[in-house]
Amino acid sequence: MNHPDKLIVALDIPSLAEAERLVRVLSPAVKVFKVGKELFTAAGPRAVEMVRSHGGRVFLDLKFHDIPNTVGGACGAAVKLGVSMLNVHAIGGRAMLETAVRAVRETAGDLRVEKP
């Protein structure tokens, strides 16, 4: 991470319009924004798309934890959205974690994009 990437602003609000206002105001100085469960549940992938449309990078903070196949699918979908970071709960076990890593690597490789 370079210097501007060390600060991550959490968009912990349910309104896409308010989140966009914050991104617009802060994006000259802030490059990474966290999209968590509240905003993602309210706005879905549009929240990620909005941040990226303003030149920001996204930390998708959904704390994936489920059966390996489901987490792998979710991680692959996150890569397709263009997120820069995502997280999973390690308590999901080795198989879940390995499936998540494999899905990220494969999807990023297929799309020829940087891995989160």
N, C-alpha and C. Protein backbone atom coordinates (compact mmCIF):
# COMPACT_ATOMS: atom_id res chain seq x y z
N MET A 1 0.83 -1.19 0.00
CA MET A 1 0.00 0.00 0.00
C MET A 1 0.87 1.24 0.00
N ASN A 2 0.53 2.17 -0.85
CA ASN A 2 1.25 3.43 -0.79
C ASN A 2 0.56 4.36 0.20
N HIS A 3 1.11 5.52 0.44
CA HIS A 3 0.64 6.41 1.50
C HIS A 3 -0.87 6.70 1.47
N PRO A 4 -1.47 7.13 0.34
CA PRO A 4 -2.90 7.44 0.37
C PRO A 4 -3.78 6.22 0.66
N ASP A 5 -3.23 5.02 0.44
CA ASP A 5 -4.02 3.81 0.67
C ASP A 5 -4.03 3.38 2.13
N LYS A 6 -3.27 4.04 2.99
CA LYS A 6 -3.21 3.64 4.39
C LYS A 6 -4.45 4.06 5.17
N LEU A 7 -5.20 4.99 4.66
CA LEU A 7 -6.43 5.43 5.31
C LEU A 7 -7.61 4.82 4.57
N ILE A 8 -8.45 4.13 5.32
CA ILE A 8 -9.65 3.53 4.74
C ILE A 8 -10.85 4.15 5.43
N VAL A 9 -11.74 4.75 4.67
CA VAL A 9 -12.94 5.36 5.23
C VAL A 9 -14.09 4.37 5.14
N ALA A 10 -14.72 4.12 6.28
CA ALA A 10 -15.86 3.19 6.34
C ALA A 10 -17.13 3.91 5.92
N LEU A 11 -17.78 3.36 4.93
CA LEU A 11 -19.07 3.89 4.49
C LEU A 11 -20.17 3.10 5.20
N ASP A 12 -20.21 3.24 6.52
CA ASP A 12 -21.17 2.49 7.34
C ASP A 12 -22.47 3.26 7.47
N ILE A 13 -23.12 3.44 6.34
CA ILE A 13 -24.39 4.14 6.26
C ILE A 13 -25.29 3.39 5.28
N PRO A 14 -26.61 3.51 5.44
CA PRO A 14 -27.51 2.75 4.58
C PRO A 14 -27.90 3.44 3.27
N SER A 15 -27.43 4.65 3.06
CA SER A 15 -27.85 5.44 1.91
C SER A 15 -26.75 5.52 0.86
N LEU A 16 -27.04 5.05 -0.34
CA LEU A 16 -26.08 5.14 -1.43
C LEU A 16 -25.80 6.60 -1.78
N ALA A 17 -26.82 7.44 -1.73
CA ALA A 17 -26.63 8.86 -2.05
C ALA A 17 -25.70 9.53 -1.05
N GLU A 18 -25.87 9.24 0.23
CA GLU A 18 -24.99 9.81 1.25
C GLU A 18 -23.57 9.26 1.11
N ALA A 19 -23.46 7.97 0.82
CA ALA A 19 -22.14 7.37 0.61
C ALA A 19 -21.45 8.04 -0.57
N GLU A 20 -22.18 8.29 -1.63
CA GLU A 20 -21.58 8.93 -2.80
C GLU A 20 -21.13 10.36 -2.48
N ARG A 21 -21.91 11.05 -1.68
CA ARG A 21 -21.52 12.41 -1.28
C ARG A 21 -20.19 12.36 -0.53
N LEU A 22 -20.06 11.41 0.39
CA LEU A 22 -18.82 11.28 1.15
C LEU A 22 -17.64 10.92 0.25
N VAL A 23 -17.86 10.00 -0.66
CA VAL A 23 -16.78 9.60 -1.57
C VAL A 23 -16.36 10.78 -2.43
N ARG A 24 -17.32 11.52 -2.92
CA ARG A 24 -17.01 12.67 -3.78
C ARG A 24 -16.18 13.71 -3.01
N VAL A 25 -16.56 13.98 -1.76
CA VAL A 25 -15.86 14.98 -0.96
C VAL A 25 -14.47 14.49 -0.54
N LEU A 26 -14.37 13.22 -0.17
CA LEU A 26 -13.12 12.70 0.40
C LEU A 26 -12.14 12.12 -0.61
N SER A 27 -12.63 11.78 -1.80
CA SER A 27 -11.78 11.06 -2.75
C SER A 27 -10.51 11.78 -3.20
N PRO A 28 -10.43 13.08 -3.13
CA PRO A 28 -9.12 13.64 -3.47
C PRO A 28 -8.01 13.18 -2.50
N ALA A 29 -8.37 12.96 -1.24
CA ALA A 29 -7.37 12.58 -0.23
C ALA A 29 -7.42 11.11 0.14
N VAL A 30 -8.59 10.51 0.01
CA VAL A 30 -8.78 9.11 0.40
C VAL A 30 -8.96 8.27 -0.85
N LYS A 31 -8.27 7.15 -0.90
CA LYS A 31 -8.35 6.29 -2.08
C LYS A 31 -9.07 4.97 -1.83
N VAL A 32 -9.23 4.58 -0.56
CA VAL A 32 -9.85 3.30 -0.24
C VAL A 32 -11.05 3.53 0.66
N PHE A 33 -12.17 2.90 0.28
CA PHE A 33 -13.40 3.01 1.04
C PHE A 33 -13.91 1.62 1.38
N LYS A 34 -14.40 1.48 2.62
CA LYS A 34 -14.94 0.20 3.06
C LYS A 34 -16.44 0.18 2.79
N VAL A 35 -16.88 -0.84 2.09
CA VAL A 35 -18.31 -1.10 1.90
C VAL A 35 -18.62 -2.32 2.75
N GLY A 36 -19.43 -2.12 3.77
CA GLY A 36 -19.77 -3.19 4.69
C GLY A 36 -21.17 -3.72 4.49
N LYS A 37 -21.61 -4.46 5.48
CA LYS A 37 -22.90 -5.14 5.37
C LYS A 37 -24.08 -4.18 5.25
N GLU A 38 -24.05 -3.07 5.98
CA GLU A 38 -25.18 -2.15 5.95
C GLU A 38 -25.37 -1.54 4.56
N LEU A 39 -24.33 -0.96 4.02
CA LEU A 39 -24.45 -0.32 2.70
C LEU A 39 -24.64 -1.35 1.60
N PHE A 40 -23.93 -2.48 1.69
CA PHE A 40 -24.07 -3.49 0.63
C PHE A 40 -25.47 -4.09 0.64
N THR A 41 -26.05 -4.28 1.82
CA THR A 41 -27.41 -4.81 1.88
C THR A 41 -28.41 -3.81 1.32
N ALA A 42 -28.18 -2.53 1.59
CA ALA A 42 -29.10 -1.50 1.10
C ALA A 42 -28.95 -1.23 -0.39
N ALA A 43 -27.72 -1.23 -0.89
CA ALA A 43 -27.48 -0.79 -2.27
C ALA A 43 -26.93 -1.87 -3.19
N GLY A 44 -26.44 -2.96 -2.62
CA GLY A 44 -25.90 -4.04 -3.44
C GLY A 44 -24.63 -3.63 -4.17
N PRO A 45 -24.35 -4.31 -5.28
CA PRO A 45 -23.13 -4.03 -6.04
C PRO A 45 -23.01 -2.58 -6.52
N ARG A 46 -24.13 -1.86 -6.55
CA ARG A 46 -24.06 -0.45 -6.97
C ARG A 46 -23.14 0.36 -6.05
N ALA A 47 -23.03 -0.05 -4.78
CA ALA A 47 -22.15 0.66 -3.85
C ALA A 47 -20.70 0.52 -4.28
N VAL A 48 -20.30 -0.68 -4.67
CA VAL A 48 -18.94 -0.91 -5.15
C VAL A 48 -18.71 -0.15 -6.45
N GLU A 49 -19.66 -0.24 -7.36
CA GLU A 49 -19.55 0.45 -8.64
C GLU A 49 -19.42 1.96 -8.46
N MET A 50 -20.17 2.50 -7.50
CA MET A 50 -20.13 3.94 -7.25
C MET A 50 -18.75 4.38 -6.78
N VAL A 51 -18.19 3.66 -5.82
CA VAL A 51 -16.85 4.02 -5.32
C VAL A 51 -15.84 3.95 -6.46
N ARG A 52 -15.89 2.89 -7.22
CA ARG A 52 -14.94 2.72 -8.33
C ARG A 52 -15.12 3.81 -9.39
N SER A 53 -16.36 4.25 -9.62
CA SER A 53 -16.61 5.29 -10.63
C SER A 53 -15.97 6.62 -10.25
N HIS A 54 -15.68 6.80 -8.96
CA HIS A 54 -15.01 8.02 -8.49
C HIS A 54 -13.51 7.80 -8.32
N GLY A 55 -13.02 6.68 -8.86
CA GLY A 55 -11.59 6.40 -8.80
C GLY A 55 -11.12 5.78 -7.50
N GLY A 56 -12.06 5.39 -6.64
CA GLY A 56 -11.70 4.79 -5.37
C GLY A 56 -11.53 3.29 -5.46
N ARG A 57 -10.84 2.76 -4.46
CA ARG A 57 -10.69 1.31 -4.32
C ARG A 57 -11.62 0.86 -3.21
N VAL A 58 -12.05 -0.41 -3.26
CA VAL A 58 -13.05 -0.90 -2.32
C VAL A 58 -12.51 -2.04 -1.47
N PHE A 59 -12.71 -1.91 -0.16
CA PHE A 59 -12.54 -3.01 0.78
C PHE A 59 -13.95 -3.52 1.04
N LEU A 60 -14.27 -4.69 0.52
CA LEU A 60 -15.59 -5.28 0.70
C LEU A 60 -15.58 -6.07 2.00
N ASP A 61 -16.19 -5.49 3.02
CA ASP A 61 -16.16 -6.03 4.38
C ASP A 61 -17.45 -6.79 4.68
N LEU A 62 -17.57 -7.98 4.08
CA LEU A 62 -18.78 -8.79 4.29
C LEU A 62 -18.52 -10.02 5.14
N LYS A 63 -17.27 -10.21 5.53
CA LYS A 63 -16.91 -11.30 6.45
C LYS A 63 -17.50 -12.64 6.02
N PHE A 64 -17.16 -13.06 4.81
CA PHE A 64 -17.72 -14.30 4.27
C PHE A 64 -17.44 -15.48 5.19
N HIS A 65 -18.48 -16.27 5.46
CA HIS A 65 -18.37 -17.46 6.30
C HIS A 65 -19.56 -18.35 5.96
N ASP A 66 -19.28 -19.46 5.30
CA ASP A 66 -20.33 -20.39 4.88
C ASP A 66 -19.64 -21.67 4.44
N ILE A 67 -20.36 -22.53 3.77
CA ILE A 67 -19.73 -23.72 3.24
C ILE A 67 -18.72 -23.30 2.16
N PRO A 68 -17.68 -24.10 1.95
CA PRO A 68 -16.63 -23.68 1.02
C PRO A 68 -17.12 -23.25 -0.36
N ASN A 69 -18.02 -23.99 -0.95
CA ASN A 69 -18.50 -23.66 -2.29
C ASN A 69 -19.17 -22.29 -2.33
N THR A 70 -19.95 -21.98 -1.32
CA THR A 70 -20.64 -20.70 -1.27
C THR A 70 -19.66 -19.55 -1.08
N VAL A 71 -18.69 -19.72 -0.20
CA VAL A 71 -17.69 -18.67 0.02
C VAL A 71 -16.84 -18.49 -1.24
N GLY A 72 -16.48 -19.59 -1.88
CA GLY A 72 -15.72 -19.48 -3.12
C GLY A 72 -16.49 -18.70 -4.18
N GLY A 73 -17.77 -19.00 -4.32
CA GLY A 73 -18.59 -18.26 -5.28
C GLY A 73 -18.70 -16.79 -4.94
N ALA A 74 -18.86 -16.49 -3.66
CA ALA A 74 -18.95 -15.09 -3.24
C ALA A 74 -17.64 -14.35 -3.48
N CYS A 75 -16.53 -15.00 -3.20
CA CYS A 75 -15.22 -14.37 -3.43
C CYS A 75 -14.98 -14.13 -4.92
N GLY A 76 -15.35 -15.10 -5.74
CA GLY A 76 -15.23 -14.92 -7.19
C GLY A 76 -16.09 -13.76 -7.68
N ALA A 77 -17.30 -13.66 -7.14
CA ALA A 77 -18.19 -12.56 -7.51
C ALA A 77 -17.60 -11.22 -7.08
N ALA A 78 -16.96 -11.19 -5.92
CA ALA A 78 -16.33 -9.95 -5.44
C ALA A 78 -15.20 -9.52 -6.37
N VAL A 79 -14.42 -10.48 -6.84
CA VAL A 79 -13.36 -10.16 -7.80
C VAL A 79 -13.97 -9.56 -9.06
N LYS A 80 -15.06 -10.13 -9.53
CA LYS A 80 -15.72 -9.61 -10.73
C LYS A 80 -16.22 -8.18 -10.53
N LEU A 81 -16.56 -7.83 -9.29
CA LEU A 81 -16.98 -6.46 -9.00
C LEU A 81 -15.81 -5.48 -9.02
N GLY A 82 -14.60 -6.01 -8.91
CA GLY A 82 -13.42 -5.15 -8.93
C GLY A 82 -12.97 -4.67 -7.56
N VAL A 83 -13.31 -5.40 -6.50
CA VAL A 83 -12.87 -4.98 -5.17
C VAL A 83 -11.37 -5.15 -5.03
N SER A 84 -10.77 -4.34 -4.18
CA SER A 84 -9.33 -4.41 -3.93
C SER A 84 -9.00 -5.26 -2.71
N MET A 85 -9.95 -5.37 -1.80
CA MET A 85 -9.78 -6.18 -0.59
C MET A 85 -11.12 -6.79 -0.24
N LEU A 86 -11.06 -7.97 0.39
CA LEU A 86 -12.25 -8.59 0.95
C LEU A 86 -11.81 -9.38 2.16
N ASN A 87 -12.76 -9.83 2.96
CA ASN A 87 -12.38 -10.62 4.12
C ASN A 87 -13.29 -11.84 4.27
N VAL A 88 -12.74 -12.83 4.94
CA VAL A 88 -13.47 -14.06 5.26
C VAL A 88 -13.19 -14.38 6.72
N HIS A 89 -14.09 -15.13 7.34
CA HIS A 89 -13.88 -15.56 8.72
C HIS A 89 -13.07 -16.84 8.72
N ALA A 90 -11.91 -16.80 9.34
CA ALA A 90 -11.04 -17.98 9.39
C ALA A 90 -11.68 -19.14 10.12
N ILE A 91 -12.62 -18.87 10.98
CA ILE A 91 -13.29 -19.94 11.73
C ILE A 91 -14.04 -20.89 10.79
N GLY A 92 -14.22 -20.48 9.54
CA GLY A 92 -14.87 -21.34 8.55
C GLY A 92 -14.06 -22.57 8.21
N GLY A 93 -12.81 -22.58 8.58
CA GLY A 93 -11.98 -23.76 8.40
C GLY A 93 -11.10 -23.72 7.16
N ARG A 94 -10.18 -24.66 7.16
CA ARG A 94 -9.17 -24.73 6.11
C ARG A 94 -9.78 -24.90 4.72
N ALA A 95 -10.75 -25.79 4.58
CA ALA A 95 -11.35 -26.03 3.25
C ALA A 95 -12.01 -24.77 2.72
N MET A 96 -12.71 -24.05 3.60
CA MET A 96 -13.36 -22.82 3.17
C MET A 96 -12.32 -21.78 2.74
N LEU A 97 -11.26 -21.64 3.53
CA LEU A 97 -10.22 -20.66 3.21
C LEU A 97 -9.51 -21.01 1.90
N GLU A 98 -9.19 -22.28 1.73
CA GLU A 98 -8.52 -22.71 0.49
C GLU A 98 -9.42 -22.49 -0.73
N THR A 99 -10.70 -22.76 -0.57
CA THR A 99 -11.64 -22.55 -1.67
C THR A 99 -11.75 -21.06 -2.00
N ALA A 100 -11.75 -20.21 -0.98
CA ALA A 100 -11.81 -18.76 -1.19
C ALA A 100 -10.58 -18.29 -1.96
N VAL A 101 -9.41 -18.73 -1.54
CA VAL A 101 -8.16 -18.32 -2.20
C VAL A 101 -8.15 -18.80 -3.65
N ARG A 102 -8.53 -20.05 -3.86
CA ARG A 102 -8.55 -20.61 -5.22
C ARG A 102 -9.51 -19.83 -6.11
N ALA A 103 -10.69 -19.51 -5.60
CA ALA A 103 -11.68 -18.76 -6.39
C ALA A 103 -11.16 -17.38 -6.76
N VAL A 104 -10.52 -16.72 -5.82
CA VAL A 104 -9.96 -15.39 -6.10
C VAL A 104 -8.88 -15.48 -7.17
N ARG A 105 -7.97 -16.42 -7.00
CA ARG A 105 -6.88 -16.57 -7.97
C ARG A 105 -7.40 -16.91 -9.36
N GLU A 106 -8.32 -17.86 -9.42
CA GLU A 106 -8.85 -18.29 -10.73
C GLU A 106 -9.63 -17.18 -11.40
N THR A 107 -10.50 -16.52 -10.65
CA THR A 107 -11.32 -15.47 -11.24
C THR A 107 -10.45 -14.30 -11.70
N ALA A 108 -9.52 -13.89 -10.86
CA ALA A 108 -8.62 -12.80 -11.24
C ALA A 108 -7.79 -13.19 -12.46
N GLY A 109 -7.33 -14.43 -12.50
CA GLY A 109 -6.57 -14.90 -13.65
C GLY A 109 -7.39 -14.91 -14.92
N ASP A 110 -8.62 -15.41 -14.82
CA ASP A 110 -9.50 -15.45 -15.98
C ASP A 110 -9.79 -14.05 -16.51
N LEU A 111 -9.98 -13.10 -15.60
CA LEU A 111 -10.31 -11.73 -15.99
C LEU A 111 -9.07 -10.88 -16.26
N ARG A 112 -7.91 -11.44 -15.93
CA ARG A 112 -6.64 -10.71 -16.06
C ARG A 112 -6.67 -9.39 -15.29
N VAL A 113 -7.10 -9.51 -14.03
CA VAL A 113 -7.13 -8.36 -13.13
C VAL A 113 -6.29 -8.69 -11.90
N GLU A 114 -5.96 -7.66 -11.15
CA GLU A 114 -5.19 -7.84 -9.92
C GLU A 114 -6.04 -8.54 -8.87
N LYS A 115 -5.43 -9.45 -8.14
CA LYS A 115 -6.14 -10.16 -7.07
C LYS A 115 -6.34 -9.22 -5.88
N PRO A 116 -7.50 -9.30 -5.24
CA PRO A 116 -7.67 -8.55 -3.98
C PRO A 116 -6.76 -9.13 -2.91
